[in-house]
Protein backbone atom coordinates (compact mmCIF):
# COMPACT_ATOMS: atom_id res chain seq x y z
CA MET A 1 40.96 50.28 113.38
CA ARG A 2 43.11 52.89 111.35
CA LEU A 3 41.30 56.00 109.62
CA THR A 4 42.00 59.15 108.32
CA VAL A 5 40.09 62.54 109.14
CA SER A 6 40.78 65.57 107.78
CA ARG A 7 40.22 69.41 108.78
CA LYS A 8 40.09 72.27 106.32
CA ALA A 9 41.57 76.04 107.15
CA HIS A 10 41.87 78.99 104.76
CA PHE A 11 44.71 81.79 104.82
CA ASN A 12 44.96 84.58 102.38
CA ALA A 13 49.00 85.66 101.92
CA ALA A 14 50.93 87.23 99.44
CA HIS A 15 54.27 86.17 97.83
CA ARG A 16 56.96 86.39 95.21
CA LEU A 17 58.73 83.56 93.74
CA TYR A 18 62.24 84.52 92.56
CA ARG A 19 65.98 83.86 93.37
CA LYS A 20 67.89 86.67 94.52
CA GLU A 21 71.05 85.50 92.71
CA TRP A 22 69.58 85.37 89.66
CA SER A 23 69.08 88.06 87.00
CA MET A 24 65.34 89.84 86.59
CA GLU A 25 65.12 88.19 83.34
CA LYS A 26 66.13 84.79 84.25
CA ASN A 27 63.28 85.13 87.38
CA ASN A 28 60.93 86.12 84.65
CA GLN A 29 61.63 83.24 82.35
CA VAL A 30 61.30 80.83 85.29
CA PHE A 31 58.50 82.18 87.22
CA GLY A 32 56.83 84.44 84.94
CA LYS A 33 53.94 86.71 86.67
CA CYS A 34 54.76 85.21 90.16
CA ASN A 35 58.09 87.30 90.07
CA ASN A 36 56.20 90.49 90.31
CA PRO A 37 58.57 93.03 92.63
CA ASN A 38 55.20 93.97 94.17
CA PHE A 39 54.19 90.45 95.00
CA HIS A 40 50.92 88.79 94.41
CA GLY A 41 48.54 86.81 96.64
CA HIS A 42 46.39 83.67 96.91
CA ASN A 43 43.32 82.58 98.83
CA TYR A 44 44.78 79.36 100.23
CA GLU A 45 42.76 76.47 101.27
CA LEU A 46 44.45 73.75 103.50
CA ILE A 47 43.55 70.43 104.45
CA VAL A 48 45.04 68.79 107.10
CA SER A 49 44.71 64.95 107.09
CA ILE A 50 45.51 62.71 110.38
CA THR A 51 45.81 59.00 110.08
CA GLY A 52 45.69 56.93 113.18
CA GLN A 53 44.21 54.37 115.44
CA VAL A 54 40.78 55.04 116.40
CA ASP A 55 40.33 55.60 120.37
CA PRO A 56 38.09 52.86 121.48
CA GLU A 57 37.13 55.30 124.64
CA THR A 58 36.28 58.24 122.50
CA GLY A 59 36.17 57.16 118.95
CA TYR A 60 38.19 59.58 117.76
CA VAL A 61 41.58 59.43 115.72
CA ILE A 62 42.21 63.11 117.12
CA ASP A 63 39.90 65.40 118.88
CA MET A 64 38.90 67.78 115.95
CA LYS A 65 39.07 70.94 118.23
CA ILE A 66 42.73 69.86 119.23
CA LEU A 67 43.39 69.67 115.47
CA ALA A 68 41.52 72.98 114.59
CA ASP A 69 43.45 74.84 117.58
CA LEU A 70 46.92 73.54 116.03
CA ILE A 71 46.10 74.79 112.63
CA LYS A 72 44.91 78.27 114.14
CA VAL A 73 47.81 78.80 116.15
CA HIS A 74 50.59 77.43 113.92
CA ILE A 75 49.21 78.03 110.56
CA GLU A 76 46.65 80.63 110.29
CA ASP A 77 47.86 83.07 112.85
CA ALA A 78 51.47 82.81 111.55
CA PHE A 79 50.41 82.80 107.62
CA ASP A 80 46.95 84.67 107.29
CA HIS A 81 47.56 88.10 105.75
CA LYS A 82 51.00 88.18 105.43
CA ASN A 83 53.56 88.55 103.02
CA LEU A 84 55.44 84.85 103.09
CA ASN A 85 58.66 86.31 101.90
CA LEU A 86 58.76 89.23 104.34
CA ASP A 87 56.80 88.13 107.55
CA VAL A 88 57.39 84.32 107.92
CA PRO A 89 60.69 83.65 109.44
CA GLU A 90 60.55 80.30 107.74
CA PHE A 91 60.55 81.80 104.17
CA LYS A 92 63.74 84.10 104.43
CA ASP A 93 65.72 82.06 102.46
CA LEU A 94 63.40 79.69 100.99
CA ILE A 95 61.20 80.45 97.93
CA PRO A 96 57.64 80.52 99.17
CA THR A 97 56.15 77.90 96.40
CA ALA A 98 53.07 75.96 97.10
CA GLU A 99 55.54 72.98 97.53
CA HIS A 100 57.71 74.68 100.10
CA ILE A 101 54.61 76.19 102.09
CA ALA A 102 53.14 72.61 102.47
CA VAL A 103 56.72 71.37 103.69
CA VAL A 104 56.71 73.97 106.39
CA ILE A 105 53.15 73.53 107.30
CA TYR A 106 53.85 69.87 107.69
CA GLU A 107 56.93 70.45 109.86
CA LYS A 108 55.18 72.97 111.97
CA LEU A 109 52.23 70.81 112.58
CA ARG A 110 54.23 67.52 112.86
CA THR A 111 56.08 68.08 116.09
CA HIS A 112 52.69 68.78 117.79
CA LEU A 113 51.28 65.17 116.94
CA PRO A 114 51.83 61.60 118.38
CA GLU A 115 54.46 59.89 116.21
CA ALA A 116 52.06 57.13 115.91
CA MET A 117 49.75 59.53 113.90
CA ALA A 118 50.63 60.06 110.28
CA LEU A 119 50.04 63.58 108.69
CA GLN A 120 49.43 64.83 105.38
CA ILE A 121 49.00 68.14 104.17
CA THR A 122 47.20 69.49 100.81
CA LEU A 123 47.60 72.73 99.95
CA TYR A 124 45.46 74.43 97.39
CA GLU A 125 46.90 77.57 95.86
CA THR A 126 44.06 78.26 93.29
CA PRO A 127 41.20 75.79 92.91
CA LYS A 128 42.91 74.12 90.17
CA ASN A 129 46.52 73.98 91.44
CA PHE A 130 47.67 72.07 94.64
CA VAL A 131 50.30 70.12 96.32
CA THR A 132 50.18 67.02 98.74
CA TYR A 133 53.04 66.22 100.98
CA ALA A 134 53.06 63.07 103.67
CA GLY A 135 56.77 63.58 104.91
CA ASP A 136 60.06 62.47 102.94
CA LYS A 137 59.13 58.71 102.71
CA TYR A 138 62.16 57.97 100.01
């Protein structure tokens, strides 16, 4: 039997959306207020979902304590109260859009899960704006 279990987490982070090689005018045209040179912040809500077989001995897809610890160590500790552009190495040359943040989170967690488990990341940048990523399936 395959089921999906999910764990919510939160982190607060600042970022700026811009391309170094573009003019300020073009950055403003494309990214608007998100191009603020002094950065801006979000209270991100993260939902990490794992799909897999239910272990007949434990009744778990994954022990939620293990999942909570993975999220804490690899995501919350790395992103919370950070400037994503300046403090998080993965965004040195990557614009920290919600889309890119979700992919980075996926990649950071994927390596710590058994291959047989499917991983899906849902990241809310605002209560109305969110992205979902489950790996490239093209």
